[in-house]
Protein backbone atom coordinates (compact mmCIF):
# COMPACT_ATOMS: atom_id res chain seq x y z
CA MET A 1 107.46 13.65 32.95
CA ALA A 2 105.66 11.42 30.32
CA ARG A 3 104.68 8.95 32.99
CA GLN A 4 103.40 11.75 35.28
CA ALA A 5 101.33 13.14 32.31
CA ARG A 6 99.79 9.74 31.64
CA ARG A 7 98.96 9.60 35.36
CA LEU A 8 97.31 12.97 35.32
CA ALA A 9 95.29 11.93 32.07
CA SER A 10 93.78 8.77 33.59
CA PRO A 11 91.00 10.28 35.59
CA ILE A 12 89.92 12.36 32.73
CA ASP A 13 89.91 9.35 30.43
CA ALA A 14 87.91 7.40 32.92
CA ARG A 15 85.23 10.22 33.22
CA LEU A 16 85.13 10.35 29.43
CA LEU A 17 84.65 6.63 29.39
CA VAL A 18 81.91 6.81 31.76
CA MET A 19 80.28 9.74 30.07
CA GLY A 20 80.53 7.89 26.81
CA LEU A 21 78.97 4.65 28.23
CA VAL A 22 76.07 6.92 29.76
CA PHE A 23 75.50 8.48 26.33
CA LEU A 24 75.73 5.19 24.59
CA LEU A 25 73.31 3.60 27.02
CA ALA A 26 70.89 6.69 26.40
CA TRP A 27 71.18 6.35 22.86
CA SER A 28 70.49 2.62 23.21
CA VAL A 29 67.42 3.37 25.12
CA ILE A 30 66.30 6.05 22.57
CA ALA A 31 67.01 3.69 19.82
CA VAL A 32 65.06 0.88 21.42
CA ARG A 33 62.10 3.42 22.08
CA LEU A 34 62.16 4.70 18.49
CA PHE A 35 62.36 1.12 17.27
CA SER A 36 59.34 0.30 19.33
CA VAL A 37 57.34 3.34 18.29
CA GLN A 38 58.33 3.25 14.69
CA VAL A 39 58.39 -0.42 14.00
CA VAL A 40 56.83 -2.51 16.85
CA GLN A 41 53.93 0.12 17.81
CA ALA A 42 53.92 1.97 14.56
CA ALA A 43 50.39 0.80 13.48
CA GLU A 44 49.01 1.56 17.04
CA PHE A 45 50.41 5.03 17.16
CA SER A 46 49.44 5.80 13.67
CA GLU A 47 45.89 4.74 14.26
CA ARG A 48 46.00 7.02 17.54
CA ALA A 49 47.29 9.98 15.60
CA LEU A 50 44.65 9.43 12.84
CA SER A 51 41.82 9.13 15.31
CA GLN A 52 42.77 12.41 16.63
CA ARG A 53 42.44 14.02 13.31
CA LEU A 54 39.39 12.22 12.21
CA ILE A 55 36.11 14.16 12.49
CA THR A 56 32.82 12.56 11.97
CA GLN A 57 29.64 14.58 11.15
CA GLU A 58 26.09 13.31 10.83
CA LEU A 59 24.52 14.34 7.47
CA ALA A 60 20.73 14.85 8.17
CA ALA A 61 18.25 13.08 5.86
CA ASP A 62 15.59 15.00 4.15
CA ARG A 63 12.16 14.42 5.70
CA GLY A 64 9.70 13.02 3.31
CA THR A 65 6.68 15.30 2.19
CA ILE A 66 3.00 14.61 2.88
CA PHE A 67 0.85 15.22 -0.21
CA ASP A 68 -2.95 15.04 -0.75
CA ARG A 69 -4.19 12.69 -3.46
CA GLN A 70 -3.61 15.20 -6.18
CA GLY A 71 -0.04 15.72 -5.19
CA ARG A 72 -0.45 19.05 -3.29
CA ALA A 73 1.78 19.39 -0.20
CA LEU A 74 0.15 18.96 3.27
CA ALA A 75 3.50 18.82 5.11
CA VAL A 76 6.97 19.69 3.97
CA SER A 77 10.28 20.56 5.34
CA ILE A 78 12.04 23.80 4.48
CA ASP A 79 15.49 25.18 5.13
CA ALA A 80 15.58 27.16 8.60
CA THR A 81 18.40 28.71 10.63
CA THR A 82 18.75 28.02 14.42
CA ILE A 83 20.71 30.56 16.43
CA TYR A 84 22.70 29.54 19.58
CA ALA A 85 25.07 31.19 21.87
CA ASN A 86 28.40 30.40 23.66
CA PRO A 87 27.99 32.42 26.91
CA GLN A 88 31.70 32.12 27.59
CA GLN A 89 32.39 34.12 24.49
CA ILE A 90 29.78 36.93 25.07
CA THR A 91 31.39 40.02 26.48
CA ASP A 92 28.24 42.09 27.12
CA PRO A 93 25.17 39.85 27.92
CA GLY A 94 22.94 42.86 28.50
CA MET A 95 23.40 44.54 25.24
CA THR A 96 23.35 41.25 23.29
CA ALA A 97 20.11 40.27 24.95
CA ARG A 98 18.59 43.55 24.24
CA LEU A 99 19.48 43.57 20.56
CA LEU A 100 18.53 39.80 20.00
CA GLY A 101 15.34 40.09 22.18
CA GLY A 102 14.00 42.97 20.38
CA THR A 103 14.44 41.61 16.97
CA LEU A 104 13.24 38.18 17.80
CA GLY A 105 10.39 39.15 20.19
CA LEU A 106 11.96 37.34 23.07
CA ASP A 107 11.81 38.06 26.77
CA ILE A 108 14.96 40.28 27.34
CA GLY A 109 15.39 39.36 30.98
CA GLU A 110 15.14 35.63 30.41
CA LEU A 111 17.62 35.83 27.45
CA GLU A 112 20.12 37.92 29.39
CA ALA A 113 20.00 35.38 32.09
CA ASP A 114 20.80 32.58 29.53
CA LEU A 115 23.63 34.59 28.01
CA SER A 116 25.13 35.11 31.40
CA SER A 117 25.11 31.46 32.41
CA ASP A 118 28.29 29.26 33.06
CA GLY A 119 27.52 26.89 30.32
CA SER A 120 29.03 27.00 26.76
CA PHE A 121 25.76 26.33 24.87
CA VAL A 122 22.36 27.69 24.93
CA PHE A 123 19.71 28.07 22.13
CA VAL A 124 18.71 31.56 21.21
CA ALA A 125 15.91 30.74 18.67
CA ARG A 126 15.21 27.75 16.52
CA GLN A 127 14.17 27.14 12.95
CA LEU A 128 13.86 30.67 11.96
CA GLU A 129 12.94 31.37 8.45
CA TYR A 130 15.35 33.08 6.00
CA GLU A 131 14.23 36.76 6.44
CA LEU A 132 14.21 36.83 10.18
CA ALA A 133 17.45 34.94 10.41
CA GLN A 134 19.16 37.30 8.03
CA LYS A 135 18.03 40.23 10.16
CA VAL A 136 19.82 38.71 13.04
CA ARG A 137 22.90 37.89 11.06
CA ASP A 138 23.06 41.52 9.89
CA LEU A 139 22.64 42.75 13.40
CA SER A 140 25.48 40.33 14.67
CA ALA A 141 27.68 41.76 12.00
CA ASP A 142 26.81 45.49 12.57
CA PHE A 143 27.45 45.35 16.22
CA SER A 144 30.17 42.63 16.22
CA LEU A 145 28.31 40.45 18.64
CA PRO A 146 30.89 37.70 19.75
CA GLY A 147 29.54 34.22 20.89
CA ILE A 148 26.32 34.22 18.51
CA HIS A 149 26.38 31.26 16.08
CA PHE A 150 24.13 30.14 13.25
CA VAL A 151 23.45 26.71 12.02
CA ASP A 152 21.18 25.42 9.35
CA GLU A 153 18.28 23.20 10.45
CA PRO A 154 15.19 21.87 8.58
CA LYS A 155 11.71 23.14 9.73
CA ARG A 156 8.46 21.34 9.22
CA VAL A 157 5.71 23.68 7.67
CA TYR A 158 2.11 22.88 6.85
CA PRO A 159 1.13 24.89 3.77
CA SER A 160 -2.50 24.43 4.19
CA GLY A 161 -2.60 25.45 7.95
CA SER A 162 -5.29 23.66 9.85
CA LEU A 163 -6.75 21.86 6.73
CA GLY A 164 -6.49 18.05 7.63
CA ALA A 165 -4.62 18.80 10.81
CA HIS A 166 -6.08 15.66 12.58
CA VAL A 167 -4.92 13.51 9.88
CA VAL A 168 -1.45 14.86 9.06
CA GLY A 169 -0.62 15.42 12.79
CA PHE A 170 2.72 17.37 13.53
CA VAL A 171 6.33 16.92 14.72
CA ASP A 172 8.35 18.12 17.65
CA VAL A 173 11.06 20.85 17.41
CA ASP A 174 13.50 18.20 16.37
CA SER A 175 11.21 17.03 13.34
CA ASN A 176 10.32 13.66 15.15
CA GLY A 177 6.66 12.82 14.32
CA ILE A 178 4.58 12.83 17.43
CA GLU A 179 1.10 12.77 16.17
CA GLY A 180 -1.07 11.66 13.19
CA LEU A 181 0.50 10.45 9.90
CA GLU A 182 3.71 12.20 10.97
CA ALA A 183 3.98 9.68 13.78
CA GLU A 184 2.37 6.70 12.15
CA TYR A 185 5.05 6.79 9.47
CA GLU A 186 8.01 8.34 11.44
CA ASP A 187 10.48 5.67 10.47
CA LEU A 188 9.66 6.01 6.65
CA LEU A 189 9.38 9.90 6.68
CA ALA A 190 12.48 10.47 8.62
CA GLY A 191 14.79 8.48 6.23
CA ILE A 192 18.32 7.37 7.09
CA PRO A 193 21.05 9.81 8.26
CA GLY A 194 24.22 9.74 6.67
CA GLN A 195 27.75 10.68 7.72
CA VAL A 196 31.03 12.23 6.68
CA LEU A 197 34.38 11.22 7.91
CA TYR A 198 37.38 13.44 7.36
CA GLU A 199 40.70 14.58 8.80
CA GLY A 200 40.77 18.23 10.15
CA ASP A 201 42.99 20.24 12.34
CA VAL A 202 42.69 20.25 16.07
CA ASN A 203 40.12 23.08 16.14
CA ASN A 204 38.01 21.40 13.25
CA ARG A 205 38.66 24.66 11.22
CA TYR A 206 39.49 23.10 7.87
CA ILE A 207 39.88 19.72 6.01
CA ILE A 208 43.25 18.51 5.36
CA PRO A 209 43.35 18.21 1.62
CA THR A 210 45.46 15.01 1.43
CA GLY A 211 43.81 13.36 4.34
CA GLN A 212 41.31 10.61 4.59
CA TYR A 213 37.72 11.51 3.42
CA ASP A 214 34.70 9.10 3.29
CA GLU A 215 31.13 9.97 2.96
CA VAL A 216 28.07 7.91 3.50
CA PRO A 217 25.12 9.80 1.77
CA ALA A 218 21.80 10.14 3.85
CA VAL A 219 18.82 8.35 2.41
CA PRO A 220 15.92 10.73 2.16
CA GLY A 221 12.66 9.89 3.75
CA SER A 222 9.76 8.46 1.86
CA ASP A 223 7.13 10.71 0.70
CA LEU A 224 3.44 9.92 1.51
CA VAL A 225 0.68 10.24 -0.91
CA THR A 226 -2.57 10.36 1.23
CA THR A 227 -6.06 9.63 0.08
CA ILE A 228 -7.26 12.82 1.39
CA ASP A 229 -8.93 15.23 -1.32
CA ARG A 230 -8.19 18.79 -0.30
CA GLU A 231 -11.29 20.13 -1.91
CA VAL A 232 -13.63 17.67 -0.09
CA GLN A 233 -11.67 18.02 3.09
CA PHE A 234 -12.20 21.77 3.05
CA ALA A 235 -15.98 21.52 2.25
CA ALA A 236 -16.37 19.07 5.12
CA GLU A 237 -14.55 21.27 7.51
CA GLN A 238 -16.55 24.35 6.65
CA ALA A 239 -19.74 22.25 7.05
CA CYS A 240 -18.58 21.01 10.48
CA VAL A 241 -17.90 24.71 11.67
CA ARG A 242 -21.48 25.85 10.37
CA ALA A 243 -22.96 22.87 12.32
CA ILE A 244 -21.45 23.66 15.50
CA ASP A 245 -22.60 27.33 15.26
CA ARG A 246 -26.01 26.14 14.36
CA THR A 247 -26.48 23.48 16.84
CA GLU A 248 -24.16 24.77 19.69
CA ALA A 249 -22.52 21.45 19.76
CA VAL A 250 -19.30 20.36 21.42
CA ARG A 251 -17.91 18.71 18.50
CA CYS A 252 -18.51 17.72 14.92
CA THR A 253 -16.80 14.72 13.26
CA ILE A 254 -17.01 13.84 9.44
CA VAL A 255 -15.64 10.81 7.74
CA VAL A 256 -15.81 10.67 3.85
CA MET A 257 -15.06 7.37 2.32
CA ASP A 258 -14.71 5.88 -1.07
CA PRO A 259 -16.69 2.49 -0.85
CA ASP A 260 -14.86 0.87 -3.70
CA THR A 261 -11.49 1.25 -1.99
CA PHE A 262 -12.33 2.31 1.61
CA GLU A 263 -9.95 5.26 0.97
CA VAL A 264 -10.73 8.09 3.47
CA LEU A 265 -11.15 11.26 1.24
CA ALA A 266 -11.77 13.60 3.94
CA LEU A 267 -11.59 13.17 7.86
CA VAL A 268 -12.76 16.20 9.84
CA VAL A 269 -12.71 16.85 13.62
CA SER A 270 -14.00 20.42 14.61
CA PRO A 271 -12.84 22.47 16.54
CA THR A 272 -9.42 21.87 14.99
CA PHE A 273 -6.02 23.63 15.20
CA ASP A 274 -2.90 24.64 13.21
CA PRO A 275 -0.23 21.98 13.34
CA GLY A 276 2.53 24.68 12.71
CA ASN A 277 1.33 26.96 15.49
CA ARG A 278 0.23 25.06 18.68
CA SER A 279 1.74 27.26 21.34
CA SER A 280 -1.61 28.67 22.54
CA ILE A 281 -3.41 25.28 22.60
CA ASP A 282 -4.42 23.88 26.05
CA GLN A 283 -3.22 20.48 25.97
CA THR A 284 -5.90 19.15 28.20
CA SER A 285 -8.73 20.42 25.95
CA GLY A 286 -8.66 17.38 23.83
CA VAL A 287 -8.59 19.44 20.62
CA LEU A 288 -5.60 17.57 19.37
CA ASN A 289 -7.31 14.21 19.62
CA ASN A 290 -8.56 12.61 16.35
CA SER A 291 -12.04 11.70 17.68
CA ALA A 292 -13.11 10.17 14.38
CA ILE A 293 -10.55 7.28 15.16
CA ARG A 294 -10.08 7.40 18.90
CA SER A 295 -13.36 8.49 20.41
CA GLN A 296 -16.06 5.89 21.06
CA TYR A 297 -19.88 6.51 21.32
CA GLU A 298 -23.07 4.29 20.99
CA PRO A 299 -24.24 4.52 17.52
CA GLY A 300 -27.98 4.34 18.30
CA SER A 301 -30.30 3.88 15.25
CA THR A 302 -27.54 3.79 12.62
CA GLN A 303 -26.76 0.47 14.12
CA LYS A 304 -30.05 -1.01 12.87
CA LEU A 305 -28.66 -1.52 9.43
CA VAL A 306 -26.47 -4.36 10.83
CA THR A 307 -29.50 -5.92 12.71
CA VAL A 308 -31.69 -5.89 9.77
CA ALA A 309 -28.93 -6.94 7.34
CA ALA A 310 -28.06 -9.91 9.56
CA ALA A 311 -31.89 -11.02 9.60
CA ILE A 312 -32.22 -10.84 5.82
CA GLU A 313 -28.75 -12.51 5.19
CA GLU A 314 -29.78 -15.48 7.59
CA GLY A 315 -33.22 -15.78 5.82
CA ILE A 316 -35.18 -14.62 8.88
CA VAL A 317 -36.97 -11.76 7.16
CA GLU A 318 -37.23 -10.28 3.89
CA TRP A 319 -38.05 -6.54 3.13
CA ASP A 320 -41.67 -7.04 3.16
CA THR A 321 -41.96 -9.36 6.10
CA GLU A 322 -44.64 -7.98 8.51
CA TYR A 323 -44.77 -7.56 12.32
CA LEU A 324 -47.53 -6.56 14.63
CA VAL A 325 -45.73 -3.62 16.52
CA PRO A 326 -46.87 -2.18 19.84
CA ASP A 327 -45.18 1.18 20.82
CA GLN A 328 -43.33 -0.46 23.61
CA ILE A 329 -41.97 -3.85 24.47
CA GLU A 330 -41.12 -5.13 27.97
CA LEU A 331 -38.21 -7.53 28.44
CA VAL A 332 -38.00 -7.36 32.21
CA GLU A 333 -41.27 -7.85 34.18
CA GLY A 334 -42.71 -4.78 35.36
CA ALA A 335 -40.19 -2.54 33.63
CA CYS A 336 -42.74 -0.50 31.74
CA ARG A 337 -44.84 0.05 34.72
CA SER A 338 -41.95 1.14 36.93
CA ALA A 339 -39.63 2.90 34.74
CA SER A 340 -39.40 4.77 31.45
CA ASP A 341 -35.52 4.15 31.06
CA ASP A 342 -34.84 1.46 28.23
CA ILE A 343 -31.75 0.38 30.04
CA LEU A 344 -34.01 -1.22 32.83
CA GLY A 345 -36.01 -3.38 30.26
CA CYS A 346 -38.81 -1.20 28.87
CA PHE A 347 -38.03 -0.37 25.15
CA GLN A 348 -40.17 2.25 23.37
CA ASP A 349 -40.57 3.86 20.07
CA ALA A 350 -39.89 7.71 19.70
CA SER A 351 -43.52 8.48 19.95
CA SER A 352 -46.72 6.53 21.12
CA HIS A 353 -48.77 4.73 18.53
CA PRO A 354 -51.38 1.97 18.60
CA ASP A 355 -50.53 -1.46 17.64
CA GLN A 356 -49.82 -1.58 13.97
CA ILE A 357 -48.59 -3.77 11.20
CA MET A 358 -45.14 -2.82 9.94
CA THR A 359 -43.01 -4.37 7.18
CA VAL A 360 -39.31 -4.53 7.70
CA LYS A 361 -39.15 -1.70 5.25
CA ASP A 362 -41.34 0.40 7.45
CA CYS A 363 -39.26 -0.49 10.55
CA VAL A 364 -36.24 0.91 8.95
CA THR A 365 -37.85 4.01 7.44
CA VAL A 366 -39.52 5.14 10.63
CA SER A 367 -36.64 3.81 12.79
CA SER A 368 -38.90 1.65 15.10
CA ASN A 369 -37.00 0.45 18.18
CA VAL A 370 -39.72 -2.09 19.01
CA CYS A 371 -39.95 -3.36 15.58
CA THR A 372 -36.04 -3.83 15.39
CA ILE A 373 -35.95 -5.64 18.71
CA MET A 374 -38.74 -7.94 17.46
CA ILE A 375 -36.42 -8.71 14.40
CA GLU A 376 -33.46 -9.29 16.75
CA GLN A 377 -35.57 -11.83 18.78
CA ASP A 378 -36.16 -13.81 15.78
CA LEU A 379 -32.55 -13.53 14.76
CA GLY A 380 -31.13 -14.40 18.22
CA GLN A 381 -28.49 -12.70 20.30
CA ALA A 382 -25.71 -15.21 19.25
CA ARG A 383 -26.22 -14.61 15.50
CA LEU A 384 -26.43 -10.93 15.99
CA ALA A 385 -23.05 -10.86 17.86
CA ASP A 386 -21.51 -12.80 14.96
CA TYR A 387 -22.59 -10.22 12.54
CA LEU A 388 -21.44 -7.43 14.75
CA ASP A 389 -18.01 -9.01 14.96
CA SER A 390 -17.98 -9.70 11.20
CA PHE A 391 -18.77 -5.97 10.42
CA GLY A 392 -15.84 -5.00 12.50
CA TYR A 393 -17.46 -3.99 15.89
CA GLY A 394 -15.12 -4.46 18.84
CA ALA A 395 -11.84 -4.56 16.70
CA ILE A 396 -9.78 -1.86 15.22
CA THR A 397 -10.16 -1.36 11.40
CA GLY A 398 -6.29 -1.40 11.04
CA ILE A 399 -6.30 2.05 9.39
CA ASP A 400 -2.78 3.40 9.14
CA PHE A 401 -3.11 5.96 12.10
CA PRO A 402 -1.84 5.64 15.71
CA GLY A 403 -4.01 5.07 18.67
CA GLU A 404 -7.10 3.71 17.05
CA GLN A 405 -9.77 2.40 19.53
CA SER A 406 -11.55 -0.85 19.08
CA GLY A 407 -15.05 -0.05 20.43
CA ASN A 408 -16.78 -2.70 22.42
CA ILE A 409 -19.58 -5.41 22.14
CA ASN A 410 -21.22 -5.78 25.44
CA LEU A 411 -23.34 -8.95 25.05
CA PRO A 412 -22.84 -11.14 28.05
CA ALA A 413 -24.70 -14.59 28.26
CA GLY A 414 -27.74 -14.47 30.31
CA CYS A 415 -28.33 -10.73 30.07
CA PRO A 416 -32.10 -10.34 29.15
CA THR A 417 -31.73 -6.86 27.70
CA CYS A 418 -28.34 -6.66 25.94
CA GLY A 419 -29.37 -8.29 22.72
CA ALA A 420 -32.33 -5.86 22.43
CA SER A 421 -30.01 -2.86 23.44
CA ALA A 422 -27.45 -3.93 20.94
CA ALA A 423 -30.01 -4.20 18.18
CA ILE A 424 -31.11 -0.59 18.49
CA GLY A 425 -27.33 0.72 19.01
CA TYR A 426 -26.83 0.41 22.59
CA SER A 427 -24.61 -2.10 24.55
CA VAL A 428 -22.15 -1.56 21.75
CA SER A 429 -19.48 1.19 21.31
CA VAL A 430 -17.92 2.44 18.13
CA THR A 431 -15.82 5.13 16.43
CA PRO A 432 -17.21 7.19 13.53
CA LEU A 433 -14.54 5.57 11.37
CA GLN A 434 -15.87 2.10 12.21
CA MET A 435 -19.44 3.07 11.38
CA ALA A 436 -18.34 4.55 8.18
CA THR A 437 -16.78 1.17 7.21
CA VAL A 438 -19.86 -0.57 8.15
CA TYR A 439 -21.86 1.49 5.63
CA ALA A 440 -19.32 1.24 3.10
CA THR A 441 -19.40 -2.44 3.25
CA VAL A 442 -23.16 -2.29 2.32
CA ALA A 443 -22.21 0.11 -0.47
CA ASN A 444 -19.42 -2.24 -1.57
CA ASP A 445 -21.96 -5.26 -2.28
CA GLY A 446 -21.11 -6.72 1.29
CA ILE A 447 -17.40 -6.65 1.05
CA TRP A 448 -15.55 -5.09 3.90
CA GLN A 449 -12.04 -3.55 3.31
CA ARG A 450 -9.37 -2.10 5.62
CA PRO A 451 -9.68 1.71 5.47
CA SER A 452 -6.71 3.73 4.63
CA LEU A 453 -5.29 7.19 4.90
CA VAL A 454 -2.26 6.78 2.63
CA SER A 455 -2.63 5.78 -0.99
CA TYR A 456 1.09 4.82 -1.57
CA LEU A 457 4.57 5.67 -0.59
CA VAL A 458 7.58 7.12 -2.83
CA ASP A 459 10.79 5.98 -1.22
CA GLY A 460 14.00 7.79 -1.13
CA ALA A 461 14.92 6.49 -4.44
CA GLY A 462 11.78 7.71 -6.23
CA GLN A 463 10.02 4.29 -6.36
CA PRO A 464 6.35 3.96 -5.53
CA GLN A 465 5.57 1.47 -2.84
CA GLU A 466 1.95 0.15 -2.83
CA ILE A 467 0.19 -0.56 0.45
CA PRO A 468 -1.64 -4.03 0.29
CA GLY A 469 -5.17 -4.14 1.32
CA ILE A 470 -7.39 -6.54 3.39
CA SER A 471 -10.91 -7.60 2.38
CA ARG A 472 -13.64 -9.96 3.54
CA GLU A 473 -17.17 -10.74 2.63
CA VAL A 474 -19.75 -9.86 5.42
CA VAL A 475 -23.04 -10.30 3.57
CA SER A 476 -24.08 -11.16 0.02
CA ALA A 477 -24.43 -8.64 -2.67
CA ALA A 478 -28.15 -9.23 -2.70
CA THR A 479 -28.54 -8.47 0.83
CA ALA A 480 -26.39 -5.37 0.40
CA ARG A 481 -28.54 -4.13 -2.39
CA THR A 482 -31.74 -4.68 -0.22
CA MET A 483 -30.32 -2.62 2.54
CA ARG A 484 -29.40 0.16 0.26
CA LEU A 485 -32.96 0.34 -0.96
CA LEU A 486 -34.21 0.35 2.66
CA LEU A 487 -31.76 3.09 3.30
CA GLN A 488 -33.18 5.07 0.34
CA SER A 489 -36.63 4.82 1.79
CA VAL A 490 -35.32 6.47 5.12
CA VAL A 491 -34.38 9.61 3.23
CA GLU A 492 -37.39 9.54 0.85
CA SER A 493 -40.13 9.16 3.38
CA GLY A 494 -38.53 8.59 6.83
CA THR A 495 -36.37 10.13 9.41
CA GLY A 496 -33.77 11.04 7.02
CA ALA A 497 -35.62 13.59 4.94
CA ARG A 498 -33.23 16.37 5.56
CA ALA A 499 -30.36 14.33 3.91
CA ALA A 500 -32.06 14.38 0.52
CA ILE A 501 -30.15 16.20 -2.25
CA GLU A 502 -32.04 17.35 -5.34
CA GLY A 503 -31.10 15.18 -8.46
CA TYR A 504 -29.27 12.53 -6.47
CA SER A 505 -30.49 9.14 -5.22
CA VAL A 506 -29.40 9.16 -1.56
CA GLY A 507 -29.75 6.58 1.21
CA GLY A 508 -28.78 6.58 5.01
CA LYS A 509 -29.84 6.26 8.61
CA THR A 510 -30.27 8.69 11.39
CA GLY A 511 -29.08 8.05 14.95
CA THR A 512 -29.78 9.83 18.16
CA THR A 513 -28.28 8.39 21.49
CA ARG A 514 -27.85 9.51 24.94
CA ARG A 515 -24.33 10.99 25.48
CA PHE A 516 -22.20 8.76 27.81
CA VAL A 517 -19.39 10.48 29.66
CA GLN A 518 -16.86 8.20 31.49
CA GLY A 519 -17.11 8.55 35.15
CA GLU A 520 -20.39 10.28 34.86
CA GLY A 521 -22.53 7.92 33.17
CA TYR A 522 -25.38 8.95 30.81
CA THR A 523 -26.21 12.68 30.55
CA ASP A 524 -29.04 14.76 29.27
CA ASP A 525 -27.03 15.51 25.99
CA VAL A 526 -27.35 13.37 22.88
CA VAL A 527 -25.01 12.31 20.12
CA ALA A 528 -26.65 12.92 16.82
CA SER A 529 -25.51 11.19 13.78
CA PHE A 530 -26.36 10.32 10.11
CA ILE A 531 -24.53 8.02 7.91
CA GLY A 532 -25.33 7.53 4.17
CA MET A 533 -24.25 6.84 0.60
CA ALA A 534 -24.92 8.11 -3.06
CA PRO A 535 -25.76 7.57 -5.69
CA ILE A 536 -27.68 4.47 -4.23
CA ASP A 537 -27.54 2.29 -7.20
CA ASP A 538 -23.86 2.49 -7.37
CA PRO A 539 -22.49 4.31 -4.35
CA LYS A 540 -19.40 6.44 -4.88
CA LEU A 541 -19.14 7.98 -1.57
CA VAL A 542 -20.22 7.13 1.91
CA ILE A 543 -20.37 9.98 4.50
CA ALA A 544 -20.66 9.61 8.26
CA VAL A 545 -21.65 12.84 10.47
CA VAL A 546 -21.51 12.63 14.24
CA ILE A 547 -22.54 15.75 16.06
CA ASP A 548 -21.62 15.58 19.80
CA ALA A 549 -23.86 17.22 22.44
CA PRO A 550 -25.97 19.52 19.98
CA GLN A 551 -28.15 21.96 22.09
CA VAL A 552 -30.32 23.04 19.12
CA ASP A 553 -31.95 20.57 16.68
CA ALA A 554 -30.75 17.80 18.80
CA SER A 555 -31.56 14.75 16.84
CA GLY A 556 -29.71 12.90 14.06
CA GLY A 557 -32.40 13.96 11.47
CA ARG A 558 -32.05 17.74 12.40
CA ALA A 559 -28.49 18.05 13.43
CA ALA A 560 -26.59 15.75 11.26
CA ALA A 561 -28.65 15.01 8.19
CA PRO A 562 -28.41 18.29 6.56
CA VAL A 563 -24.51 18.47 7.30
CA PHE A 564 -24.49 15.07 5.31
CA ALA A 565 -26.39 16.66 2.44
CA GLU A 566 -24.19 19.49 2.17
CA VAL A 567 -20.97 17.59 2.21
CA MET A 568 -22.38 14.78 -0.14
CA GLU A 569 -23.47 17.19 -2.72
CA LYS A 570 -20.18 19.22 -2.86
CA ALA A 571 -18.22 15.95 -2.87
CA LEU A 572 -20.10 14.46 -5.65
CA GLN A 573 -19.64 17.50 -7.91
CA GLN A 574 -15.90 17.55 -6.93
CA MET A 575 -15.79 14.02 -8.28
CA GLY A 576 -17.53 15.08 -11.49
CA ILE A 577 -20.82 13.19 -10.63
CA GLY A 578 -23.61 15.36 -11.59
CA PRO A 579 -27.35 15.29 -10.67
CA TYR A 580 -29.11 11.95 -11.83
CA GLY A 581 -25.71 10.43 -11.71
């Protein structure tokens, strides 16, 4: 019986042995795998697990503020709320659209279509200020609107509205600078975003207290302190509006500059716009364009300052040098008999007169084209070109503003009329800013400086950063003083009489040129300008006024000179410079 029992047990023992071996093998495999996971690949799996828990969020940097020269904000970022929706979570798109659309003033049909889409994200409204955002929050809570979410987002606002709009510029909906100083200094204003790295649950609902947490703080953007004086800017803007109404002009541009530093105290282009509310602006109208820096025109008689200054500097003439001046001069044979257009080689004074003796002072005072051309003939076209270049014609000034135009000097060799045209303000194109710097050079004893719109920066750490300047001598101080006295005679007894200001010594020059339109050529309209300075003995301000296509009072003396006087008087008073100062 015992032998039989052992025989019956043998198959069971064998199966147990096999099963034991299988389990042993399985456990061996598991052990090897555990060893691999927990020892050999421990670091890899630990890193993988950590990466699944780690969440990175960007910390937005505060955008810098733009101030005027007295420290008053022209552009600042405020806290705002953006509302977005997840259509997959919305149970009643129609009701939700009616509630939100009515509160936010949105098209209900378009909003319902967005809330019914197949996506998981759609903007409802961006950068709402607190009161309106709170109304939506209350509405969402009262009606239990699923799928509606809120996120904080900064909004750029412009406390002064349209004041200085063409200088400050504006940003896009994501607060990226796209025009003006907002664009020019985008990298500095924007700052450097930071980030926070932490361990959270799979739904990013909470932070694991004992988990990894690292934060790199955002670096705030730099603040800009501009050269703009808000009171002077306001006075100039109002003067431009009145000038357009009075003259029925297309545009008015004013540049107010400190000739000691070439800082721009005011820069006006009218019509203007509100940088915080541009939705109704026709983008093709050109109203957003800063024509003071980007639009070119032929300066006309305001250019005569350079011609005469060059001749005096070169010792060709003095202020009392005399010329026998006819009322017209012919540079192309037969031109005065066959055509009345100066471009064809016959140059005339504004009104007919017999041959008469004129001093250089007389030439400037009455703005004689013929006399100025005679001075240019003695100076020579090559030397005139050199001075045009030195005064900054045909090159950007380097002002801190995007898209500056350089203008042009058109003096090809062999052209019989180009030198004469350039002498009286044709054959060259300039911007109003360039002409302001030309006159500021004379006001600054012959020293040209690079103009600026930003006085200094304040970085994210609160440290001021100065902006280095550039300067060069163009003419001597003696020549500059002589030119200032000649400009004074223009206002006291010449074409600029309407620029006079009671109690102040003022000098300047009128300009009236035919308006050139690209693709059309010269039109019947004119560009009327006046550029001047005061007080003449020690100029504190230079102001350039350019009136584009005036239909009434269509000359520099009638359209632009009174605007100059209005702005100059208010600006001098703002600076504390009283009459007889």
